[in-house]
Amino acid sequence: MEGWGPWALKASVWHVQPPIAVLESMVTIRIHLDSATTANGCLKVAPGSHRLGLIPSDKVIEQVGKHDVVYCETPAGGAVIMRPHIMHASENSVTPASRRVLHFEYSSFQLPDGIAWAAP
């Protein structure tokens, strides 16, 4: 489908990067079952980077260097709400503490024929 890609097959399920219009209509909610700290690799984000659109993978390191990074330390039961296309990552944990998260993505975008949110 034009404008959708790249496609990848992961664990027998097809995944695709949607066009920016779809991502801009989405919100991600991460509910923390465990506390997330810098010691156990909490999420870090580059605030405002979602306004840059889709960043080609070969330009991400360059863009990261242009942004301050914020560590999203979150207590158990807390939530992080973000745009799915904001530049984000987690560092390796330096402690044996787990960092379980329920990750939800919501969108009001009407998908075109041939694309579905989940396989039937």
PDB file of N, CA and C in Angstrom:
ATOM      1  N   MET A   1       0.859  -1.166   0.000  1.00  0.00           N
ATOM      2  CA  MET A   1       0.000   0.000   0.000  1.00  0.00           C
ATOM      3  C   MET A   1       0.911   1.236   0.000  1.00  0.00           C
ATOM      4  N   GLU A   2       0.666   2.131  -0.919  1.00  0.00           N
ATOM      5  CA  GLU A   2       1.506   3.314  -1.066  1.00  0.00           C
ATOM      6  C   GLU A   2       1.504   4.166   0.204  1.00  0.00           C
ATOM      7  N   GLY A   3       2.699   4.597   0.632  1.00  0.00           N
ATOM      8  CA  GLY A   3       2.841   5.427   1.821  1.00  0.00           C
ATOM      9  C   GLY A   3       2.966   4.647   3.112  1.00  0.00           C
ATOM     10  N   TRP A   4       2.764   3.345   3.050  1.00  0.00           N
ATOM     11  CA  TRP A   4       2.866   2.482   4.224  1.00  0.00           C
ATOM     12  C   TRP A   4       4.121   1.636   4.094  1.00  0.00           C
ATOM     13  N   GLY A   5       4.982   1.686   5.100  1.00  0.00           N
ATOM     14  CA  GLY A   5       6.165   0.838   5.055  1.00  0.00           C
ATOM     15  C   GLY A   5       7.311   1.456   5.807  1.00  0.00           C
ATOM     16  N   PRO A   6       8.294   0.690   6.102  1.00  0.00           N
ATOM     17  CA  PRO A   6       8.507  -0.685   5.664  1.00  0.00           C
ATOM     18  C   PRO A   6       7.623  -1.676   6.422  1.00  0.00           C
ATOM     19  N   TRP A   7       7.438  -2.834   5.805  1.00  0.00           N
ATOM     20  CA  TRP A   7       6.681  -3.931   6.385  1.00  0.00           C
ATOM     21  C   TRP A   7       7.653  -4.912   7.017  1.00  0.00           C
ATOM     22  N   ALA A   8       7.232  -5.563   8.107  1.00  0.00           N
ATOM     23  CA  ALA A   8       8.073  -6.563   8.764  1.00  0.00           C
ATOM     24  C   ALA A   8       7.187  -7.650   9.360  1.00  0.00           C
ATOM     25  N   LEU A   9       7.637  -8.880   9.267  1.00  0.00           N
ATOM     26  CA  LEU A   9       6.929 -10.008   9.870  1.00  0.00           C
ATOM     27  C   LEU A   9       7.636 -10.351  11.176  1.00  0.00           C
ATOM     28  N   LYS A  10       6.920 -10.164  12.305  1.00  0.00           N
ATOM     29  CA  LYS A  10       7.478 -10.425  13.632  1.00  0.00           C
ATOM     30  C   LYS A  10       6.560 -11.386  14.354  1.00  0.00           C
ATOM     31  N   ALA A  11       7.103 -12.526  14.765  1.00  0.00           N
ATOM     32  CA  ALA A  11       6.324 -13.547  15.480  1.00  0.00           C
ATOM     33  C   ALA A  11       5.043 -13.896  14.715  1.00  0.00           C
ATOM     34  N   SER A  12       5.167 -14.043  13.411  1.00  0.00           N
ATOM     35  CA  SER A  12       4.064 -14.431  12.521  1.00  0.00           C
ATOM     36  C   SER A  12       2.971 -13.368  12.396  1.00  0.00           C
ATOM     37  N   VAL A  13       3.259 -12.132  12.775  1.00  0.00           N
ATOM     38  CA  VAL A  13       2.301 -11.029  12.662  1.00  0.00           C
ATOM     39  C   VAL A  13       2.942  -9.930  11.827  1.00  0.00           C
ATOM     40  N   TRP A  14       2.228  -9.435  10.825  1.00  0.00           N
ATOM     41  CA  TRP A  14       2.726  -8.346   9.995  1.00  0.00           C
ATOM     42  C   TRP A  14       2.638  -7.016  10.740  1.00  0.00           C
ATOM     43  N   HIS A  15       3.692  -6.216  10.626  1.00  0.00           N
ATOM     44  CA  HIS A  15       3.758  -4.873  11.201  1.00  0.00           C
ATOM     45  C   HIS A  15       4.159  -3.918  10.080  1.00  0.00           C
ATOM     46  N   VAL A  16       3.709  -2.679  10.210  1.00  0.00           N
ATOM     47  CA  VAL A  16       4.040  -1.686   9.196  1.00  0.00           C
ATOM     48  C   VAL A  16       4.174  -0.317   9.851  1.00  0.00           C
ATOM     49  N   GLN A  17       5.053   0.505   9.295  1.00  0.00           N
ATOM     50  CA  GLN A  17       5.135   1.899   9.728  1.00  0.00           C
ATOM     51  C   GLN A  17       4.108   2.670   8.912  1.00  0.00           C
ATOM     52  N   PRO A  18       3.126   3.273   9.582  1.00  0.00           N
ATOM     53  CA  PRO A  18       2.103   4.019   8.837  1.00  0.00           C
ATOM     54  C   PRO A  18       2.610   5.396   8.435  1.00  0.00           C
ATOM     55  N   PRO A  19       1.890   6.058   7.547  1.00  0.00           N
ATOM     56  CA  PRO A  19       2.226   7.440   7.186  1.00  0.00           C
ATOM     57  C   PRO A  19       2.103   8.359   8.408  1.00  0.00           C
ATOM     58  N   ILE A  20       2.729   9.498   8.341  1.00  0.00           N
ATOM     59  CA  ILE A  20       2.750  10.447   9.454  1.00  0.00           C
ATOM     60  C   ILE A  20       1.336  10.878   9.850  1.00  0.00           C
ATOM     61  N   ALA A  21       0.418  10.973   8.908  1.00  0.00           N
ATOM     62  CA  ALA A  21      -0.961  11.384   9.246  1.00  0.00           C
ATOM     63  C   ALA A  21      -1.602  10.415  10.231  1.00  0.00           C
ATOM     64  N   VAL A  22      -1.289   9.149  10.111  1.00  0.00           N
ATOM     65  CA  VAL A  22      -1.829   8.158  11.046  1.00  0.00           C
ATOM     66  C   VAL A  22      -1.179   8.345  12.417  1.00  0.00           C
ATOM     67  N   LEU A  23       0.140   8.459  12.449  1.00  0.00           N
ATOM     68  CA  LEU A  23       0.849   8.619  13.721  1.00  0.00           C
ATOM     69  C   LEU A  23       0.415   9.879  14.456  1.00  0.00           C
ATOM     70  N   GLU A  24       0.151  10.938  13.717  1.00  0.00           N
ATOM     71  CA  GLU A  24      -0.264  12.192  14.354  1.00  0.00           C
ATOM     72  C   GLU A  24      -1.665  12.098  14.968  1.00  0.00           C
ATOM     73  N   SER A  25      -2.436  11.093  14.577  1.00  0.00           N
ATOM     74  CA  SER A  25      -3.768  10.915  15.155  1.00  0.00           C
ATOM     75  C   SER A  25      -3.747   9.933  16.332  1.00  0.00           C
ATOM     76  N   MET A  26      -2.568   9.476  16.696  1.00  0.00           N
ATOM     77  CA  MET A  26      -2.458   8.439  17.728  1.00  0.00           C
ATOM     78  C   MET A  26      -1.922   8.996  19.040  1.00  0.00           C
ATOM     79  N   VAL A  27      -2.229   8.283  20.110  1.00  0.00           N
ATOM     80  CA  VAL A  27      -1.648   8.568  21.416  1.00  0.00           C
ATOM     81  C   VAL A  27      -1.259   7.225  22.034  1.00  0.00           C
ATOM     82  N   THR A  28      -0.138   7.218  22.713  1.00  0.00           N
ATOM     83  CA  THR A  28       0.354   6.019  23.399  1.00  0.00           C
ATOM     84  C   THR A  28       0.232   6.234  24.897  1.00  0.00           C
ATOM     85  N   ILE A  29      -0.272   5.229  25.580  1.00  0.00           N
ATOM     86  CA  ILE A  29      -0.364   5.264  27.043  1.00  0.00           C
ATOM     87  C   ILE A  29       0.389   4.059  27.580  1.00  0.00           C
ATOM     88  N   ARG A  30       1.365   4.320  28.423  1.00  0.00           N
ATOM     89  CA  ARG A  30       2.177   3.265  29.043  1.00  0.00           C
ATOM     90  C   ARG A  30       1.866   3.250  30.540  1.00  0.00           C
ATOM     91  N   ILE A  31       1.207   2.199  30.999  1.00  0.00           N
ATOM     92  CA  ILE A  31       0.873   2.063  32.420  1.00  0.00           C
ATOM     93  C   ILE A  31       1.919   1.163  33.061  1.00  0.00           C
ATOM     94  N   HIS A  32       2.564   1.672  34.092  1.00  0.00           N
ATOM     95  CA  HIS A  32       3.688   0.967  34.720  1.00  0.00           C
ATOM     96  C   HIS A  32       3.221   0.044  35.835  1.00  0.00           C
ATOM     97  N   LEU A  33       3.524  -1.237  35.687  1.00  0.00           N
ATOM     98  CA  LEU A  33       3.241  -2.213  36.731  1.00  0.00           C
ATOM     99  C   LEU A  33       4.345  -2.211  37.786  1.00  0.00           C
ATOM    100  N   ASP A  34       5.532  -1.810  37.385  1.00  0.00           N
ATOM    101  CA  ASP A  34       6.687  -1.671  38.279  1.00  0.00           C
ATOM    102  C   ASP A  34       7.208  -0.247  38.160  1.00  0.00           C
ATOM    103  N   SER A  35       7.896   0.208  39.166  1.00  0.00           N
ATOM    104  CA  SER A  35       8.542   1.516  39.067  1.00  0.00           C
ATOM    105  C   SER A  35       9.586   1.486  37.970  1.00  0.00           C
ATOM    106  N   ALA A  36       9.682   2.565  37.235  1.00  0.00           N
ATOM    107  CA  ALA A  36      10.704   2.707  36.196  1.00  0.00           C
ATOM    108  C   ALA A  36      11.627   3.837  36.614  1.00  0.00           C
ATOM    109  N   THR A  37      12.895   3.514  36.762  1.00  0.00           N
ATOM    110  CA  THR A  37      13.898   4.488  37.190  1.00  0.00           C
ATOM    111  C   THR A  37      15.054   4.482  36.200  1.00  0.00           C
ATOM    112  N   THR A  38      15.942   5.441  36.339  1.00  0.00           N
ATOM    113  CA  THR A  38      17.119   5.430  35.473  1.00  0.00           C
ATOM    114  C   THR A  38      17.954   4.180  35.722  1.00  0.00           C
ATOM    115  N   ALA A  39      17.901   3.623  36.932  1.00  0.00           N
ATOM    116  CA  ALA A  39      18.683   2.420  37.246  1.00  0.00           C
ATOM    117  C   ALA A  39      18.158   1.187  36.509  1.00  0.00           C
ATOM    118  N   ASN A  40      16.836   1.098  36.291  1.00  0.00           N
ATOM    119  CA  ASN A  40      16.324  -0.084  35.594  1.00  0.00           C
ATOM    120  C   ASN A  40      15.888   0.232  34.156  1.00  0.00           C
ATOM    121  N   GLY A  41      16.365   1.321  33.616  1.00  0.00           N
ATOM    122  CA  GLY A  41      16.174   1.616  32.200  1.00  0.00           C
ATOM    123  C   GLY A  41      14.842   2.229  31.838  1.00  0.00           C
ATOM    124  N   CYS A  42      14.418   3.245  32.588  1.00  0.00           N
ATOM    125  CA  CYS A  42      13.147   3.911  32.270  1.00  0.00           C
ATOM    126  C   CYS A  42      13.190   4.522  30.869  1.00  0.00           C
ATOM    127  N   LEU A  43      12.022   4.822  30.355  1.00  0.00           N
ATOM    128  CA  LEU A  43      11.889   5.448  29.051  1.00  0.00           C
ATOM    129  C   LEU A  43      12.550   6.817  29.064  1.00  0.00           C
ATOM    130  N   LYS A  44      13.218   7.157  27.977  1.00  0.00           N
ATOM    131  CA  LYS A  44      13.718   8.523  27.798  1.00  0.00           C
ATOM    132  C   LYS A  44      13.185   9.036  26.472  1.00  0.00           C
ATOM    133  N   VAL A  45      12.842  10.315  26.433  1.00  0.00           N
ATOM    134  CA  VAL A  45      12.248  10.915  25.242  1.00  0.00           C
ATOM    135  C   VAL A  45      12.964  12.209  24.893  1.00  0.00           C
ATOM    136  N   ALA A  46      12.836  12.604  23.634  1.00  0.00           N
ATOM    137  CA  ALA A  46      13.332  13.887  23.148  1.00  0.00           C
ATOM    138  C   ALA A  46      12.106  14.772  22.932  1.00  0.00           C
ATOM    139  N   PRO A  47      11.749  15.602  23.941  1.00  0.00           N
ATOM    140  CA  PRO A  47      10.536  16.421  23.832  1.00  0.00           C
ATOM    141  C   PRO A  47      10.493  17.250  22.551  1.00  0.00           C
ATOM    142  N   GLY A  48       9.322  17.252  21.926  1.00  0.00           N
ATOM    143  CA  GLY A  48       9.124  18.030  20.708  1.00  0.00           C
ATOM    144  C   GLY A  48       9.547  17.323  19.435  1.00  0.00           C
ATOM    145  N   SER A  49      10.255  16.206  19.553  1.00  0.00           N
ATOM    146  CA  SER A  49      10.757  15.534  18.356  1.00  0.00           C
ATOM    147  C   SER A  49       9.629  14.971  17.493  1.00  0.00           C
ATOM    148  N   HIS A  50       8.455  14.768  18.053  1.00  0.00           N
ATOM    149  CA  HIS A  50       7.322  14.279  17.259  1.00  0.00           C
ATOM    150  C   HIS A  50       6.887  15.309  16.217  1.00  0.00           C
ATOM    151  N   ARG A  51       7.268  16.549  16.403  1.00  0.00           N
ATOM    152  CA  ARG A  51       6.907  17.608  15.440  1.00  0.00           C
ATOM    153  C   ARG A  51       7.796  17.587  14.194  1.00  0.00           C
ATOM    154  N   LEU A  52       8.830  16.743  14.199  1.00  0.00           N
ATOM    155  CA  LEU A  52       9.754  16.653  13.065  1.00  0.00           C
ATOM    156  C   LEU A  52       9.253  15.713  11.974  1.00  0.00           C
ATOM    157  N   GLY A  53       8.153  15.025  12.218  1.00  0.00           N
ATOM    158  CA  GLY A  53       7.666  14.045  11.254  1.00  0.00           C
ATOM    159  C   GLY A  53       8.427  12.745  11.398  1.00  0.00           C
ATOM    160  N   LEU A  54       8.445  11.954  10.340  1.00  0.00           N
ATOM    161  CA  LEU A  54       9.170  10.688  10.365  1.00  0.00           C
ATOM    162  C   LEU A  54      10.634  10.950  10.070  1.00  0.00           C
ATOM    163  N   ILE A  55      11.483  10.490  10.949  1.00  0.00           N
ATOM    164  CA  ILE A  55      12.921  10.711  10.805  1.00  0.00           C
ATOM    165  C   ILE A  55      13.548   9.450  10.229  1.00  0.00           C
ATOM    166  N   PRO A  56      14.239   9.558   9.091  1.00  0.00           N
ATOM    167  CA  PRO A  56      14.897   8.378   8.525  1.00  0.00           C
ATOM    168  C   PRO A  56      15.891   7.795   9.535  1.00  0.00           C
ATOM    169  N   SER A  57      16.001   6.479   9.560  1.00  0.00           N
ATOM    170  CA  SER A  57      16.843   5.819  10.569  1.00  0.00           C
ATOM    171  C   SER A  57      18.283   6.310  10.530  1.00  0.00           C
ATOM    172  N   ASP A  58      18.787   6.684   9.353  1.00  0.00           N
ATOM    173  CA  ASP A  58      20.173   7.150   9.276  1.00  0.00           C
ATOM    174  C   ASP A  58      20.351   8.587   9.792  1.00  0.00           C
ATOM    175  N   LYS A  59      19.254   9.256  10.161  1.00  0.00           N
ATOM    176  CA  LYS A  59      19.315  10.633  10.684  1.00  0.00           C
ATOM    177  C   LYS A  59      18.961  10.717  12.166  1.00  0.00           C
ATOM    178  N   VAL A  60      18.559   9.593  12.782  1.00  0.00           N
ATOM    179  CA  VAL A  60      18.105   9.617  14.170  1.00  0.00           C
ATOM    180  C   VAL A  60      19.216  10.084  15.110  1.00  0.00           C
ATOM    181  N   ILE A  61      20.418   9.526  14.998  1.00  0.00           N
ATOM    182  CA  ILE A  61      21.521   9.907  15.890  1.00  0.00           C
ATOM    183  C   ILE A  61      21.802  11.402  15.781  1.00  0.00           C
ATOM    184  N   GLU A  62      21.790  11.916  14.576  1.00  0.00           N
ATOM    185  CA  GLU A  62      22.001  13.355  14.358  1.00  0.00           C
ATOM    186  C   GLU A  62      20.925  14.173  15.066  1.00  0.00           C
ATOM    187  N   GLN A  63      19.662  13.757  14.937  1.00  0.00           N
ATOM    188  CA  GLN A  63      18.556  14.483  15.563  1.00  0.00           C
ATOM    189  C   GLN A  63      18.590  14.376  17.084  1.00  0.00           C
ATOM    190  N   VAL A  64      18.946  13.206  17.604  1.00  0.00           N
ATOM    191  CA  VAL A  64      19.023  13.036  19.058  1.00  0.00           C
ATOM    192  C   VAL A  64      20.005  14.046  19.640  1.00  0.00           C
ATOM    193  N   GLY A  65      21.111  14.260  18.971  1.00  0.00           N
ATOM    194  CA  GLY A  65      22.112  15.213  19.438  1.00  0.00           C
ATOM    195  C   GLY A  65      21.633  16.648  19.480  1.00  0.00           C
ATOM    196  N   LYS A  66      20.547  16.947  18.790  1.00  0.00           N
ATOM    197  CA  LYS A  66      19.991  18.302  18.747  1.00  0.00           C
ATOM    198  C   LYS A  66      18.914  18.534  19.800  1.00  0.00           C
ATOM    199  N   HIS A  67      18.580  17.510  20.579  1.00  0.00           N
ATOM    200  CA  HIS A  67      17.496  17.603  21.557  1.00  0.00           C
ATOM    201  C   HIS A  67      17.975  17.256  22.963  1.00  0.00           C
ATOM    202  N   ASP A  68      17.389  17.933  23.932  1.00  0.00           N
ATOM    203  CA  ASP A  68      17.580  17.510  25.317  1.00  0.00           C
ATOM    204  C   ASP A  68      16.780  16.226  25.496  1.00  0.00           C
ATOM    205  N   VAL A  69      17.274  15.358  26.350  1.00  0.00           N
ATOM    206  CA  VAL A  69      16.581  14.100  26.628  1.00  0.00           C
ATOM    207  C   VAL A  69      16.000  14.173  28.030  1.00  0.00           C
ATOM    208  N   VAL A  70      14.780  13.713  28.192  1.00  0.00           N
ATOM    209  CA  VAL A  70      14.110  13.685  29.487  1.00  0.00           C
ATOM    210  C   VAL A  70      13.884  12.225  29.870  1.00  0.00           C
ATOM    211  N   TYR A  71      14.297  11.868  31.068  1.00  0.00           N
ATOM    212  CA  TYR A  71      14.060  10.523  31.590  1.00  0.00           C
ATOM    213  C   TYR A  71      12.691  10.508  32.269  1.00  0.00           C
ATOM    214  N   CYS A  72      11.873   9.544  31.892  1.00  0.00           N
ATOM    215  CA  CYS A  72      10.499   9.452  32.405  1.00  0.00           C
ATOM    216  C   CYS A  72      10.444   8.465  33.565  1.00  0.00           C
ATOM    217  N   GLU A  73      11.034   8.854  34.695  1.00  0.00           N
ATOM    218  CA  GLU A  73      10.942   7.999  35.875  1.00  0.00           C
ATOM    219  C   GLU A  73       9.482   7.987  36.313  1.00  0.00           C
ATOM    220  N   THR A  74       8.945   6.783  36.509  1.00  0.00           N
ATOM    221  CA  THR A  74       7.519   6.626  36.760  1.00  0.00           C
ATOM    222  C   THR A  74       7.302   5.602  37.864  1.00  0.00           C
ATOM    223  N   PRO A  75       6.484   5.937  38.871  1.00  0.00           N
ATOM    224  CA  PRO A  75       6.225   4.960  39.934  1.00  0.00           C
ATOM    225  C   PRO A  75       5.305   3.847  39.448  1.00  0.00           C
ATOM    226  N   ALA A  76       5.324   2.723  40.150  1.00  0.00           N
ATOM    227  CA  ALA A  76       4.377   1.645  39.849  1.00  0.00           C
ATOM    228  C   ALA A  76       2.962   2.210  39.933  1.00  0.00           C
ATOM    229  N   GLY A  77       2.135   1.908  38.956  1.00  0.00           N
ATOM    230  CA  GLY A  77       0.781   2.436  38.895  1.00  0.00           C
ATOM    231  C   GLY A  77       0.685   3.753  38.144  1.00  0.00           C
ATOM    232  N   GLY A  78       1.815   4.369  37.836  1.00  0.00           N
ATOM    233  CA  GLY A  78       1.830   5.624  37.093  1.00  0.00           C
ATOM    234  C   GLY A  78       1.722   5.377  35.600  1.00  0.00           C
ATOM    235  N   ALA A  79       1.563   6.455  34.842  1.00  0.00           N
ATOM    236  CA  ALA A  79       1.428   6.330  33.391  1.00  0.00           C
ATOM    237  C   ALA A  79       2.250   7.400  32.679  1.00  0.00           C
ATOM    238  N   VAL A  80       2.702   7.054  31.503  1.00  0.00           N
ATOM    239  CA  VAL A  80       3.344   7.991  30.584  1.00  0.00           C
ATOM    240  C   VAL A  80       2.454   8.057  29.360  1.00  0.00           C
ATOM    241  N   ILE A  81       2.107   9.267  28.947  1.00  0.00           N
ATOM    242  CA  ILE A  81       1.278   9.476  27.764  1.00  0.00           C
ATOM    243  C   ILE A  81       2.122  10.241  26.758  1.00  0.00           C
ATOM    244  N   MET A  82       2.187   9.716  25.523  1.00  0.00           N
ATOM    245  CA  MET A  82       3.074  10.325  24.522  1.00  0.00           C
ATOM    246  C   MET A  82       2.556  10.059  23.118  1.00  0.00           C
ATOM    247  N   ARG A  83       3.125  10.722  22.162  1.00  0.00           N
ATOM    248  CA  ARG A  83       2.883  10.427  20.753  1.00  0.00           C
ATOM    249  C   ARG A  83       3.785   9.250  20.382  1.00  0.00           C
ATOM    250  N   PRO A  84       3.292   8.304  19.584  1.00  0.00           N
ATOM    251  CA  PRO A  84       4.107   7.127  19.297  1.00  0.00           C
ATOM    252  C   PRO A  84       5.352   7.424  18.472  1.00  0.00           C
ATOM    253  N   HIS A  85       5.372   8.527  17.756  1.00  0.00           N
ATOM    254  CA  HIS A  85       6.525   8.814  16.907  1.00  0.00           C
ATOM    255  C   HIS A  85       7.502   9.817  17.534  1.00  0.00           C
ATOM    256  N   ILE A  86       7.344  10.113  18.823  1.00  0.00           N
ATOM    257  CA  ILE A  86       8.355  10.913  19.504  1.00  0.00           C
ATOM    258  C   ILE A  86       9.626  10.052  19.605  1.00  0.00           C
ATOM    259  N   MET A  87      10.780  10.653  19.463  1.00  0.00           N
ATOM    260  CA  MET A  87      12.012   9.875  19.612  1.00  0.00           C
ATOM    261  C   MET A  87      12.088   9.390  21.052  1.00  0.00           C
ATOM    262  N   HIS A  88      12.201   8.066  21.211  1.00  0.00           N
ATOM    263  CA  HIS A  88      12.231   7.485  22.540  1.00  0.00           C
ATOM    264  C   HIS A  88      13.083   6.217  22.544  1.00  0.00           C
ATOM    265  N   ALA A  89      13.577   5.887  23.718  1.00  0.00           N
ATOM    266  CA  ALA A  89      14.404   4.689  23.890  1.00  0.00           C
ATOM    267  C   ALA A  89      14.494   4.392  25.374  1.00  0.00           C
ATOM    268  N   SER A  90      15.076   3.253  25.678  1.00  0.00           N
ATOM    269  CA  SER A  90      15.381   2.884  27.056  1.00  0.00           C
ATOM    270  C   SER A  90      16.827   2.418  27.105  1.00  0.00           C
ATOM    271  N   GLU A  91      17.503   2.741  28.182  1.00  0.00           N
ATOM    272  CA  GLU A  91      18.868   2.260  28.360  1.00  0.00           C
ATOM    273  C   GLU A  91      18.833   0.905  29.043  1.00  0.00           C
ATOM    274  N   ASN A  92      19.943   0.199  29.010  1.00  0.00           N
ATOM    275  CA  ASN A  92      20.029  -1.081  29.700  1.00  0.00           C
ATOM    276  C   ASN A  92      19.892  -0.882  31.198  1.00  0.00           C
ATOM    277  N   SER A  93      19.257  -1.841  31.834  1.00  0.00           N
ATOM    278  CA  SER A  93      19.113  -1.819  33.290  1.00  0.00           C
ATOM    279  C   SER A  93      20.450  -2.152  33.941  1.00  0.00           C
ATOM    280  N   VAL A  94      20.747  -1.469  35.042  1.00  0.00           N
ATOM    281  CA  VAL A  94      21.955  -1.784  35.807  1.00  0.00           C
ATOM    282  C   VAL A  94      21.580  -2.409  37.151  1.00  0.00           C
ATOM    283  N   THR A  95      20.325  -2.792  37.279  1.00  0.00           N
ATOM    284  CA  THR A  95      19.802  -3.417  38.482  1.00  0.00           C
ATOM    285  C   THR A  95      18.879  -4.564  38.075  1.00  0.00           C
ATOM    286  N   PRO A  96      18.677  -5.559  38.927  1.00  0.00           N
ATOM    287  CA  PRO A  96      17.796  -6.666  38.554  1.00  0.00           C
ATOM    288  C   PRO A  96      16.296  -6.341  38.647  1.00  0.00           C
ATOM    289  N   ALA A  97      15.926  -5.125  38.990  1.00  0.00           N
ATOM    290  CA  ALA A  97      14.509  -4.751  39.111  1.00  0.00           C
ATOM    291  C   ALA A  97      13.810  -4.828  37.759  1.00  0.00           C
ATOM    292  N   SER A  98      12.604  -5.378  37.744  1.00  0.00           N
ATOM    293  CA  SER A  98      11.841  -5.446  36.490  1.00  0.00           C
ATOM    294  C   SER A  98      11.192  -4.095  36.204  1.00  0.00           C
ATOM    295  N   ARG A  99      10.767  -3.930  34.963  1.00  0.00           N
ATOM    296  CA  ARG A  99      10.098  -2.694  34.539  1.00  0.00           C
ATOM    297  C   ARG A  99       8.950  -3.037  33.602  1.00  0.00           C
ATOM    298  N   ARG A 100       8.013  -3.794  34.110  1.00  0.00           N
ATOM    299  CA  ARG A 100       6.866  -4.229  33.302  1.00  0.00           C
ATOM    300  C   ARG A 100       5.936  -3.053  33.018  1.00  0.00           C
ATOM    301  N   VAL A 101       5.462  -3.034  31.769  1.00  0.00           N
ATOM    302  CA  VAL A 101       4.617  -1.932  31.307  1.00  0.00           C
ATOM    303  C   VAL A 101       3.491  -2.497  30.443  1.00  0.00           C
ATOM    304  N   LEU A 102       2.291  -1.967  30.626  1.00  0.00           N
ATOM    305  CA  LEU A 102       1.194  -2.221  29.687  1.00  0.00           C
ATOM    306  C   LEU A 102       1.216  -1.073  28.692  1.00  0.00           C
ATOM    307  N   HIS A 103       1.328  -1.393  27.432  1.00  0.00           N
ATOM    308  CA  HIS A 103       1.523  -0.395  26.380  1.00  0.00           C
ATOM    309  C   HIS A 103       0.284  -0.399  25.485  1.00  0.00           C
ATOM    310  N   PHE A 104      -0.427   0.740  25.433  1.00  0.00           N
ATOM    311  CA  PHE A 104      -1.640   0.872  24.631  1.00  0.00           C
ATOM    312  C   PHE A 104      -1.455   1.983  23.611  1.00  0.00           C
ATOM    313  N   GLU A 105      -1.975   1.777  22.412  1.00  0.00           N
ATOM    314  CA  GLU A 105      -1.967   2.820  21.397  1.00  0.00           C
ATOM    315  C   GLU A 105      -3.390   3.020  20.888  1.00  0.00           C
ATOM    316  N   TYR A 106      -3.805   4.274  20.824  1.00  0.00           N
ATOM    317  CA  TYR A 106      -5.161   4.630  20.402  1.00  0.00           C
ATOM    318  C   TYR A 106      -5.090   5.561  19.198  1.00  0.00           C
ATOM    319  N   SER A 107      -6.070   5.403  18.310  1.00  0.00           N
ATOM    320  CA  SER A 107      -6.142   6.268  17.138  1.00  0.00           C
ATOM    321  C   SER A 107      -7.593   6.409  16.683  1.00  0.00           C
ATOM    322  N   SER A 108      -7.907   7.570  16.119  1.00  0.00           N
ATOM    323  CA  SER A 108      -9.224   7.789  15.518  1.00  0.00           C
ATOM    324  C   SER A 108      -9.125   7.751  13.994  1.00  0.00           C
ATOM    325  N   PHE A 109      -7.955   7.418  13.478  1.00  0.00           N
ATOM    326  CA  PHE A 109      -7.723   7.423  12.031  1.00  0.00           C
ATOM    327  C   PHE A 109      -8.529   6.316  11.359  1.00  0.00           C
ATOM    328  N   GLN A 110      -9.236   6.645  10.294  1.00  0.00           N
ATOM    329  CA  GLN A 110      -9.983   5.659   9.517  1.00  0.00           C
ATOM    330  C   GLN A 110      -9.023   4.990   8.545  1.00  0.00           C
ATOM    331  N   LEU A 111      -8.724   3.718   8.780  1.00  0.00           N
ATOM    332  CA  LEU A 111      -7.770   3.006   7.939  1.00  0.00           C
ATOM    333  C   LEU A 111      -8.349   2.723   6.557  1.00  0.00           C
ATOM    334  N   PRO A 112      -7.476   2.756   5.520  1.00  0.00           N
ATOM    335  CA  PRO A 112      -7.939   2.438   4.165  1.00  0.00           C
ATOM    336  C   PRO A 112      -8.199   0.935   4.019  1.00  0.00           C
ATOM    337  N   ASP A 113      -8.957   0.564   2.997  1.00  0.00           N
ATOM    338  CA  ASP A 113      -9.195  -0.853   2.713  1.00  0.00           C
ATOM    339  C   ASP A 113      -7.853  -1.555   2.546  1.00  0.00           C
ATOM    340  N   GLY A 114      -7.757  -2.753   3.099  1.00  0.00           N
ATOM    341  CA  GLY A 114      -6.525  -3.537   3.000  1.00  0.00           C
ATOM    342  C   GLY A 114      -5.611  -3.390   4.199  1.00  0.00           C
ATOM    343  N   ILE A 115      -5.909  -2.449   5.100  1.00  0.00           N
ATOM    344  CA  ILE A 115      -5.111  -2.247   6.318  1.00  0.00           C
ATOM    345  C   ILE A 115      -6.041  -2.427   7.499  1.00  0.00           C
ATOM    346  N   ALA A 116      -5.564  -3.152   8.527  1.00  0.00           N
ATOM    347  CA  ALA A 116      -6.368  -3.371   9.734  1.00  0.00           C
ATOM    348  C   ALA A 116      -5.480  -3.198  10.950  1.00  0.00           C
ATOM    349  N   TRP A 117      -6.074  -2.799  12.066  1.00  0.00           N
ATOM    350  CA  TRP A 117      -5.307  -2.621  13.295  1.00  0.00           C
ATOM    351  C   TRP A 117      -4.779  -3.941  13.830  1.00  0.00           C
ATOM    352  N   ALA A 118      -5.520  -4.991  13.671  1.00  0.00           N
ATOM    353  CA  ALA A 118      -5.064  -6.306  14.140  1.00  0.00           C
ATOM    354  C   ALA A 118      -5.583  -7.359  13.185  1.00  0.00           C
ATOM    355  N   ALA A 119      -4.825  -8.422  13.034  1.00  0.00           N
ATOM    356  CA  ALA A 119      -5.251  -9.504  12.137  1.00  0.00           C
ATOM    357  C   ALA A 119      -6.494 -10.188  12.732  1.00  0.00           C
ATOM    358  N   PRO A 120      -7.443 -10.595  11.880  1.00  0.00           N
ATOM    359  CA  PRO A 120      -8.651 -11.258  12.377  1.00  0.00           C
ATOM    360  C   PRO A 120      -8.343 -12.626  12.965  1.00  0.00           C
TER     361      PRO A 120
END
